[in-house]
Amino acid sequence: MPLTNQEKRRLKEQAHHLETVVRVGKGGLSASVLASVEQALRARELIKVRLDHERDERDVLAREVAEATGAELIWQVGKVAVFYRPKTA
């Protein structure tokens, strides 16, 4: 179920103070990078990912991370993207 604008706004506020937990380097979106994102999402619901690529590539990579992990892309500014996936019981 998609998040409402109010929920996204609240998550953006929470993410503002978070540190980046995963970095997607020039090597791209490898299996080990996706595994790191998965691990971070299991530990926390809300994470920041740094995308060290050109602007067009960052947009594509952010969508690919969201699709591959089942997370929702909450916010993307510059080289940083914020993802949210609620923990399952």
PDB file of N, CA and C in Angstrom:
ATOM      1  N   MET A   1       0.845  -1.179   0.000  1.00  0.00           N
ATOM      2  CA  MET A   1       0.000   0.000   0.000  1.00  0.00           C
ATOM      3  C   MET A   1       0.892   1.246   0.000  1.00  0.00           C
ATOM      4  N   PRO A   2       0.704   2.135  -0.951  1.00  0.00           N
ATOM      5  CA  PRO A   2       1.547   3.332  -1.034  1.00  0.00           C
ATOM      6  C   PRO A   2       1.367   4.234   0.185  1.00  0.00           C
ATOM      7  N   LEU A   3       2.420   4.947   0.496  1.00  0.00           N
ATOM      8  CA  LEU A   3       2.389   5.871   1.627  1.00  0.00           C
ATOM      9  C   LEU A   3       1.672   7.157   1.242  1.00  0.00           C
ATOM     10  N   THR A   4       1.024   7.761   2.215  1.00  0.00           N
ATOM     11  CA  THR A   4       0.375   9.049   1.979  1.00  0.00           C
ATOM     12  C   THR A   4       1.439  10.142   1.990  1.00  0.00           C
ATOM     13  N   ASN A   5       1.073  11.327   1.497  1.00  0.00           N
ATOM     14  CA  ASN A   5       2.016  12.445   1.506  1.00  0.00           C
ATOM     15  C   ASN A   5       2.420  12.808   2.933  1.00  0.00           C
ATOM     16  N   GLN A   6       1.475  12.722   3.859  1.00  0.00           N
ATOM     17  CA  GLN A   6       1.768  13.041   5.255  1.00  0.00           C
ATOM     18  C   GLN A   6       2.783  12.046   5.834  1.00  0.00           C
ATOM     19  N   GLU A   7       2.624  10.767   5.518  1.00  0.00           N
ATOM     20  CA  GLU A   7       3.569   9.753   5.986  1.00  0.00           C
ATOM     21  C   GLU A   7       4.952   9.984   5.388  1.00  0.00           C
ATOM     22  N   LYS A   8       4.992  10.301   4.099  1.00  0.00           N
ATOM     23  CA  LYS A   8       6.281  10.582   3.453  1.00  0.00           C
ATOM     24  C   LYS A   8       6.957  11.797   4.074  1.00  0.00           C
ATOM     25  N   ARG A   9       6.186  12.817   4.375  1.00  0.00           N
ATOM     26  CA  ARG A   9       6.727  14.024   5.002  1.00  0.00           C
ATOM     27  C   ARG A   9       7.354  13.697   6.361  1.00  0.00           C
ATOM     28  N   ARG A  10       6.652  12.861   7.138  1.00  0.00           N
ATOM     29  CA  ARG A  10       7.160  12.455   8.453  1.00  0.00           C
ATOM     30  C   ARG A  10       8.461  11.660   8.311  1.00  0.00           C
ATOM     31  N   LEU A  11       8.508  10.766   7.327  1.00  0.00           N
ATOM     32  CA  LEU A  11       9.713   9.965   7.106  1.00  0.00           C
ATOM     33  C   LEU A  11      10.881  10.826   6.627  1.00  0.00           C
ATOM     34  N   LYS A  12      10.611  11.820   5.795  1.00  0.00           N
ATOM     35  CA  LYS A  12      11.664  12.738   5.354  1.00  0.00           C
ATOM     36  C   LYS A  12      12.278  13.459   6.542  1.00  0.00           C
ATOM     37  N   GLU A  13      11.441  13.889   7.475  1.00  0.00           N
ATOM     38  CA  GLU A  13      11.927  14.569   8.677  1.00  0.00           C
ATOM     39  C   GLU A  13      12.822  13.646   9.494  1.00  0.00           C
ATOM     40  N   GLN A  14      12.419  12.404   9.629  1.00  0.00           N
ATOM     41  CA  GLN A  14      13.212  11.435  10.391  1.00  0.00           C
ATOM     42  C   GLN A  14      14.535  11.138   9.684  1.00  0.00           C
ATOM     43  N   ALA A  15      14.511  11.067   8.374  1.00  0.00           N
ATOM     44  CA  ALA A  15      15.700  10.705   7.601  1.00  0.00           C
ATOM     45  C   ALA A  15      16.731  11.817   7.565  1.00  0.00           C
ATOM     46  N   HIS A  16      16.293  13.030   7.793  1.00  0.00           N
ATOM     47  CA  HIS A  16      17.197  14.178   7.696  1.00  0.00           C
ATOM     48  C   HIS A  16      18.447  13.986   8.551  1.00  0.00           C
ATOM     49  N   HIS A  17      18.303  13.384   9.714  1.00  0.00           N
ATOM     50  CA  HIS A  17      19.420  13.252  10.654  1.00  0.00           C
ATOM     51  C   HIS A  17      20.154  11.918  10.541  1.00  0.00           C
ATOM     52  N   LEU A  18      19.730  11.069   9.638  1.00  0.00           N
ATOM     53  CA  LEU A  18      20.370   9.764   9.474  1.00  0.00           C
ATOM     54  C   LEU A  18      21.689   9.875   8.720  1.00  0.00           C
ATOM     55  N   GLU A  19      22.583   8.953   9.011  1.00  0.00           N
ATOM     56  CA  GLU A  19      23.827   8.832   8.259  1.00  0.00           C
ATOM     57  C   GLU A  19      23.607   7.856   7.103  1.00  0.00           C
ATOM     58  N   THR A  20      24.393   7.995   6.063  1.00  0.00           N
ATOM     59  CA  THR A  20      24.345   7.064   4.935  1.00  0.00           C
ATOM     60  C   THR A  20      24.847   5.704   5.407  1.00  0.00           C
ATOM     61  N   VAL A  21      24.106   4.643   5.096  1.00  0.00           N
ATOM     62  CA  VAL A  21      24.502   3.310   5.548  1.00  0.00           C
ATOM     63  C   VAL A  21      25.022   2.420   4.425  1.00  0.00           C
ATOM     64  N   VAL A  22      24.700   2.751   3.179  1.00  0.00           N
ATOM     65  CA  VAL A  22      25.165   1.970   2.031  1.00  0.00           C
ATOM     66  C   VAL A  22      25.607   2.940   0.952  1.00  0.00           C
ATOM     67  N   ARG A  23      26.672   2.573   0.247  1.00  0.00           N
ATOM     68  CA  ARG A  23      27.178   3.404  -0.845  1.00  0.00           C
ATOM     69  C   ARG A  23      27.217   2.561  -2.116  1.00  0.00           C
ATOM     70  N   VAL A  24      26.585   3.063  -3.173  1.00  0.00           N
ATOM     71  CA  VAL A  24      26.633   2.412  -4.476  1.00  0.00           C
ATOM     72  C   VAL A  24      27.730   3.123  -5.260  1.00  0.00           C
ATOM     73  N   GLY A  25      28.878   2.465  -5.362  1.00  0.00           N
ATOM     74  CA  GLY A  25      30.032   3.065  -6.017  1.00  0.00           C
ATOM     75  C   GLY A  25      29.966   2.939  -7.523  1.00  0.00           C
ATOM     76  N   LYS A  26      31.083   3.251  -8.154  1.00  0.00           N
ATOM     77  CA  LYS A  26      31.158   3.221  -9.617  1.00  0.00           C
ATOM     78  C   LYS A  26      30.932   1.820 -10.186  1.00  0.00           C
ATOM     79  N   GLY A  27      31.105   0.791  -9.354  1.00  0.00           N
ATOM     80  CA  GLY A  27      30.877  -0.584  -9.794  1.00  0.00           C
ATOM     81  C   GLY A  27      29.415  -0.891 -10.049  1.00  0.00           C
ATOM     82  N   GLY A  28      28.539  -0.017  -9.571  1.00  0.00           N
ATOM     83  CA  GLY A  28      27.116  -0.183  -9.831  1.00  0.00           C
ATOM     84  C   GLY A  28      26.406  -0.999  -8.775  1.00  0.00           C
ATOM     85  N   LEU A  29      25.247  -1.457  -9.137  1.00  0.00           N
ATOM     86  CA  LEU A  29      24.353  -2.157  -8.221  1.00  0.00           C
ATOM     87  C   LEU A  29      24.624  -3.658  -8.289  1.00  0.00           C
ATOM     88  N   SER A  30      25.621  -4.101  -7.550  1.00  0.00           N
ATOM     89  CA  SER A  30      26.001  -5.513  -7.550  1.00  0.00           C
ATOM     90  C   SER A  30      25.150  -6.290  -6.543  1.00  0.00           C
ATOM     91  N   ALA A  31      25.301  -7.591  -6.569  1.00  0.00           N
ATOM     92  CA  ALA A  31      24.569  -8.442  -5.629  1.00  0.00           C
ATOM     93  C   ALA A  31      24.980  -8.132  -4.193  1.00  0.00           C
ATOM     94  N   SER A  32      26.254  -7.838  -3.968  1.00  0.00           N
ATOM     95  CA  SER A  32      26.704  -7.542  -2.605  1.00  0.00           C
ATOM     96  C   SER A  32      26.152  -6.207  -2.114  1.00  0.00           C
ATOM     97  N   VAL A  33      26.019  -5.235  -3.009  1.00  0.00           N
ATOM     98  CA  VAL A  33      25.430  -3.945  -2.622  1.00  0.00           C
ATOM     99  C   VAL A  33      23.961  -4.138  -2.271  1.00  0.00           C
ATOM    100  N   LEU A  34      23.236  -4.887  -3.082  1.00  0.00           N
ATOM    101  CA  LEU A  34      21.826  -5.167  -2.784  1.00  0.00           C
ATOM    102  C   LEU A  34      21.680  -5.932  -1.471  1.00  0.00           C
ATOM    103  N   ALA A  35      22.609  -6.843  -1.198  1.00  0.00           N
ATOM    104  CA  ALA A  35      22.570  -7.579   0.067  1.00  0.00           C
ATOM    105  C   ALA A  35      22.784  -6.623   1.241  1.00  0.00           C
ATOM    106  N   SER A  36      23.662  -5.644   1.067  1.00  0.00           N
ATOM    107  CA  SER A  36      23.892  -4.646   2.118  1.00  0.00           C
ATOM    108  C   SER A  36      22.651  -3.796   2.352  1.00  0.00           C
ATOM    109  N   VAL A  37      21.966  -3.432   1.274  1.00  0.00           N
ATOM    110  CA  VAL A  37      20.729  -2.657   1.403  1.00  0.00           C
ATOM    111  C   VAL A  37      19.675  -3.490   2.119  1.00  0.00           C
ATOM    112  N   GLU A  38      19.556  -4.747   1.745  1.00  0.00           N
ATOM    113  CA  GLU A  38      18.596  -5.657   2.403  1.00  0.00           C
ATOM    114  C   GLU A  38      18.881  -5.755   3.892  1.00  0.00           C
ATOM    115  N   GLN A  39      20.149  -5.945   4.233  1.00  0.00           N
ATOM    116  CA  GLN A  39      20.536  -6.072   5.629  1.00  0.00           C
ATOM    117  C   GLN A  39      20.208  -4.792   6.404  1.00  0.00           C
ATOM    118  N   ALA A  40      20.484  -3.647   5.812  1.00  0.00           N
ATOM    119  CA  ALA A  40      20.200  -2.365   6.461  1.00  0.00           C
ATOM    120  C   ALA A  40      18.696  -2.173   6.657  1.00  0.00           C
ATOM    121  N   LEU A  41      17.894  -2.567   5.666  1.00  0.00           N
ATOM    122  CA  LEU A  41      16.439  -2.429   5.785  1.00  0.00           C
ATOM    123  C   LEU A  41      15.862  -3.378   6.830  1.00  0.00           C
ATOM    124  N   ARG A  42      16.489  -4.538   6.998  1.00  0.00           N
ATOM    125  CA  ARG A  42      16.028  -5.454   8.045  1.00  0.00           C
ATOM    126  C   ARG A  42      16.349  -4.905   9.429  1.00  0.00           C
ATOM    127  N   ALA A  43      17.485  -4.225   9.544  1.00  0.00           N
ATOM    128  CA  ALA A  43      17.904  -3.667  10.834  1.00  0.00           C
ATOM    129  C   ALA A  43      17.126  -2.398  11.181  1.00  0.00           C
ATOM    130  N   ARG A  44      16.850  -1.584  10.155  1.00  0.00           N
ATOM    131  CA  ARG A  44      16.119  -0.319  10.344  1.00  0.00           C
ATOM    132  C   ARG A  44      15.093  -0.237   9.227  1.00  0.00           C
ATOM    133  N   GLU A  45      14.059   0.462   9.442  1.00  0.00           N
ATOM    134  CA  GLU A  45      13.045   0.610   8.397  1.00  0.00           C
ATOM    135  C   GLU A  45      13.400   1.712   7.410  1.00  0.00           C
ATOM    136  N   LEU A  46      14.158   2.676   7.852  1.00  0.00           N
ATOM    137  CA  LEU A  46      14.447   3.878   7.073  1.00  0.00           C
ATOM    138  C   LEU A  46      15.954   4.004   6.917  1.00  0.00           C
ATOM    139  N   ILE A  47      16.435   4.060   5.661  1.00  0.00           N
ATOM    140  CA  ILE A  47      17.878   4.143   5.430  1.00  0.00           C
ATOM    141  C   ILE A  47      18.204   5.176   4.354  1.00  0.00           C
ATOM    142  N   LYS A  48      19.451   5.651   4.410  1.00  0.00           N
ATOM    143  CA  LYS A  48      19.986   6.532   3.381  1.00  0.00           C
ATOM    144  C   LYS A  48      21.025   5.759   2.587  1.00  0.00           C
ATOM    145  N   VAL A  49      20.986   5.928   1.269  1.00  0.00           N
ATOM    146  CA  VAL A  49      21.934   5.279   0.372  1.00  0.00           C
ATOM    147  C   VAL A  49      22.587   6.355  -0.485  1.00  0.00           C
ATOM    148  N   ARG A  50      23.910   6.293  -0.587  1.00  0.00           N
ATOM    149  CA  ARG A  50      24.635   7.247  -1.427  1.00  0.00           C
ATOM    150  C   ARG A  50      24.871   6.607  -2.794  1.00  0.00           C
ATOM    151  N   LEU A  51      24.527   7.345  -3.836  1.00  0.00           N
ATOM    152  CA  LEU A  51      24.663   6.872  -5.216  1.00  0.00           C
ATOM    153  C   LEU A  51      25.734   7.705  -5.910  1.00  0.00           C
ATOM    154  N   ASP A  52      26.935   7.150  -6.033  1.00  0.00           N
ATOM    155  CA  ASP A  52      28.064   7.879  -6.626  1.00  0.00           C
ATOM    156  C   ASP A  52      28.082   7.715  -8.147  1.00  0.00           C
ATOM    157  N   HIS A  53      27.104   8.314  -8.805  1.00  0.00           N
ATOM    158  CA  HIS A  53      26.970   8.218 -10.258  1.00  0.00           C
ATOM    159  C   HIS A  53      26.483   9.555 -10.811  1.00  0.00           C
ATOM    160  N   GLU A  54      26.397   9.635 -12.115  1.00  0.00           N
ATOM    161  CA  GLU A  54      25.866  10.831 -12.771  1.00  0.00           C
ATOM    162  C   GLU A  54      24.365  10.928 -12.503  1.00  0.00           C
ATOM    163  N   ARG A  55      23.814  12.101 -12.696  1.00  0.00           N
ATOM    164  CA  ARG A  55      22.414  12.381 -12.349  1.00  0.00           C
ATOM    165  C   ARG A  55      21.426  11.381 -12.957  1.00  0.00           C
ATOM    166  N   ASP A  56      21.508  11.148 -14.259  1.00  0.00           N
ATOM    167  CA  ASP A  56      20.562  10.232 -14.906  1.00  0.00           C
ATOM    168  C   ASP A  56      20.686   8.813 -14.354  1.00  0.00           C
ATOM    169  N   GLU A  57      21.920   8.394 -14.105  1.00  0.00           N
ATOM    170  CA  GLU A  57      22.153   7.056 -13.571  1.00  0.00           C
ATOM    171  C   GLU A  57      21.600   6.926 -12.148  1.00  0.00           C
ATOM    172  N   ARG A  58      21.708   7.988 -11.360  1.00  0.00           N
ATOM    173  CA  ARG A  58      21.218   7.951  -9.974  1.00  0.00           C
ATOM    174  C   ARG A  58      19.722   7.685  -9.930  1.00  0.00           C
ATOM    175  N   ASP A  59      18.979   8.326 -10.811  1.00  0.00           N
ATOM    176  CA  ASP A  59      17.524   8.118 -10.843  1.00  0.00           C
ATOM    177  C   ASP A  59      17.186   6.661 -11.149  1.00  0.00           C
ATOM    178  N   VAL A  60      17.880   6.099 -12.117  1.00  0.00           N
ATOM    179  CA  VAL A  60      17.640   4.702 -12.500  1.00  0.00           C
ATOM    180  C   VAL A  60      18.036   3.771 -11.363  1.00  0.00           C
ATOM    181  N   LEU A  61      19.210   4.006 -10.771  1.00  0.00           N
ATOM    182  CA  LEU A  61      19.678   3.164  -9.671  1.00  0.00           C
ATOM    183  C   LEU A  61      18.730   3.211  -8.478  1.00  0.00           C
ATOM    184  N   ALA A  62      18.230   4.387  -8.152  1.00  0.00           N
ATOM    185  CA  ALA A  62      17.309   4.516  -7.022  1.00  0.00           C
ATOM    186  C   ALA A  62      16.048   3.682  -7.268  1.00  0.00           C
ATOM    187  N   ARG A  63      15.520   3.748  -8.474  1.00  0.00           N
ATOM    188  CA  ARG A  63      14.334   2.936  -8.799  1.00  0.00           C
ATOM    189  C   ARG A  63      14.653   1.443  -8.732  1.00  0.00           C
ATOM    190  N   GLU A  64      15.835   1.067  -9.218  1.00  0.00           N
ATOM    191  CA  GLU A  64      16.228  -0.342  -9.200  1.00  0.00           C
ATOM    192  C   GLU A  64      16.381  -0.865  -7.775  1.00  0.00           C
ATOM    193  N   VAL A  65      16.954  -0.055  -6.889  1.00  0.00           N
ATOM    194  CA  VAL A  65      17.085  -0.458  -5.482  1.00  0.00           C
ATOM    195  C   VAL A  65      15.700  -0.668  -4.878  1.00  0.00           C
ATOM    196  N   ALA A  66      14.793   0.264  -5.134  1.00  0.00           N
ATOM    197  CA  ALA A  66      13.439   0.164  -4.592  1.00  0.00           C
ATOM    198  C   ALA A  66      12.747  -1.103  -5.092  1.00  0.00           C
ATOM    199  N   GLU A  67      12.848  -1.373  -6.373  1.00  0.00           N
ATOM    200  CA  GLU A  67      12.194  -2.551  -6.946  1.00  0.00           C
ATOM    201  C   GLU A  67      12.810  -3.846  -6.423  1.00  0.00           C
ATOM    202  N   ALA A  68      14.125  -3.889  -6.338  1.00  0.00           N
ATOM    203  CA  ALA A  68      14.812  -5.111  -5.933  1.00  0.00           C
ATOM    204  C   ALA A  68      14.596  -5.444  -4.464  1.00  0.00           C
ATOM    205  N   THR A  69      14.362  -4.443  -3.642  1.00  0.00           N
ATOM    206  CA  THR A  69      14.240  -4.674  -2.201  1.00  0.00           C
ATOM    207  C   THR A  69      12.804  -4.601  -1.692  1.00  0.00           C
ATOM    208  N   GLY A  70      11.902  -4.129  -2.526  1.00  0.00           N
ATOM    209  CA  GLY A  70      10.525  -3.956  -2.083  1.00  0.00           C
ATOM    210  C   GLY A  70      10.350  -2.742  -1.184  1.00  0.00           C
ATOM    211  N   ALA A  71      11.330  -1.865  -1.211  1.00  0.00           N
ATOM    212  CA  ALA A  71      11.274  -0.646  -0.397  1.00  0.00           C
ATOM    213  C   ALA A  71      10.662   0.481  -1.220  1.00  0.00           C
ATOM    214  N   GLU A  72      10.230   1.494  -0.515  1.00  0.00           N
ATOM    215  CA  GLU A  72       9.684   2.666  -1.194  1.00  0.00           C
ATOM    216  C   GLU A  72      10.727   3.774  -1.182  1.00  0.00           C
ATOM    217  N   LEU A  73      10.932   4.383  -2.355  1.00  0.00           N
ATOM    218  CA  LEU A  73      11.829   5.532  -2.454  1.00  0.00           C
ATOM    219  C   LEU A  73      11.080   6.727  -1.895  1.00  0.00           C
ATOM    220  N   ILE A  74      11.542   7.230  -0.761  1.00  0.00           N
ATOM    221  CA  ILE A  74      10.870   8.328  -0.076  1.00  0.00           C
ATOM    222  C   ILE A  74      11.317   9.666  -0.612  1.00  0.00           C
ATOM    223  N   TRP A  75      12.618   9.765  -0.886  1.00  0.00           N
ATOM    224  CA  TRP A  75      13.179  11.069  -1.195  1.00  0.00           C
ATOM    225  C   TRP A  75      14.519  10.874  -1.879  1.00  0.00           C
ATOM    226  N   GLN A  76      14.817  11.721  -2.813  1.00  0.00           N
ATOM    227  CA  GLN A  76      16.118  11.675  -3.463  1.00  0.00           C
ATOM    228  C   GLN A  76      16.564  13.101  -3.726  1.00  0.00           C
ATOM    229  N   VAL A  77      17.729  13.432  -3.217  1.00  0.00           N
ATOM    230  CA  VAL A  77      18.296  14.749  -3.447  1.00  0.00           C
ATOM    231  C   VAL A  77      19.794  14.580  -3.656  1.00  0.00           C
ATOM    232  N   GLY A  78      20.284  15.129  -4.746  1.00  0.00           N
ATOM    233  CA  GLY A  78      21.700  14.975  -5.054  1.00  0.00           C
ATOM    234  C   GLY A  78      22.064  13.511  -5.162  1.00  0.00           C
ATOM    235  N   LYS A  79      23.119  13.128  -4.453  1.00  0.00           N
ATOM    236  CA  LYS A  79      23.595  11.747  -4.511  1.00  0.00           C
ATOM    237  C   LYS A  79      23.021  10.865  -3.411  1.00  0.00           C
ATOM    238  N   VAL A  80      22.050  11.367  -2.678  1.00  0.00           N
ATOM    239  CA  VAL A  80      21.492  10.604  -1.558  1.00  0.00           C
ATOM    240  C   VAL A  80      20.031  10.256  -1.823  1.00  0.00           C
ATOM    241  N   ALA A  81      19.706   8.987  -1.568  1.00  0.00           N
ATOM    242  CA  ALA A  81      18.318   8.521  -1.687  1.00  0.00           C
ATOM    243  C   ALA A  81      17.917   7.896  -0.357  1.00  0.00           C
ATOM    244  N   VAL A  82      16.663   8.100   0.005  1.00  0.00           N
ATOM    245  CA  VAL A  82      16.130   7.557   1.253  1.00  0.00           C
ATOM    246  C   VAL A  82      15.069   6.510   0.911  1.00  0.00           C
ATOM    247  N   PHE A  83      15.212   5.336   1.551  1.00  0.00           N
ATOM    248  CA  PHE A  83      14.297   4.230   1.309  1.00  0.00           C
ATOM    249  C   PHE A  83      13.627   3.811   2.613  1.00  0.00           C
ATOM    250  N   TYR A  84      12.386   3.352   2.477  1.00  0.00           N
ATOM    251  CA  TYR A  84      11.616   2.895   3.632  1.00  0.00           C
ATOM    252  C   TYR A  84      10.958   1.565   3.304  1.00  0.00           C
ATOM    253  N   ARG A  85      11.087   0.643   4.241  1.00  0.00           N
ATOM    254  CA  ARG A  85      10.370  -0.623   4.144  1.00  0.00           C
ATOM    255  C   ARG A  85      10.013  -1.048   5.562  1.00  0.00           C
ATOM    256  N   PRO A  86       8.711  -1.159   5.859  1.00  0.00           N
ATOM    257  CA  PRO A  86       8.333  -1.537   7.224  1.00  0.00           C
ATOM    258  C   PRO A  86       8.838  -2.930   7.549  1.00  0.00           C
ATOM    259  N   LYS A  87       9.217  -3.100   8.811  1.00  0.00           N
ATOM    260  CA  LYS A  87       9.663  -4.414   9.258  1.00  0.00           C
ATOM    261  C   LYS A  87       8.496  -5.375   9.283  1.00  0.00           C
ATOM    262  N   THR A  88       8.758  -6.614   8.933  1.00  0.00           N
ATOM    263  CA  THR A  88       7.720  -7.625   9.002  1.00  0.00           C
ATOM    264  C   THR A  88       7.858  -8.353  10.328  1.00  0.00           C
ATOM    265  N   ALA A  89       6.753  -8.775  10.861  1.00  0.00           N
ATOM    266  CA  ALA A  89       6.745  -9.403  12.196  1.00  0.00           C
ATOM    267  C   ALA A  89       7.360 -10.773  12.185  1.00  0.00           C
TER     268      ALA A  89
END
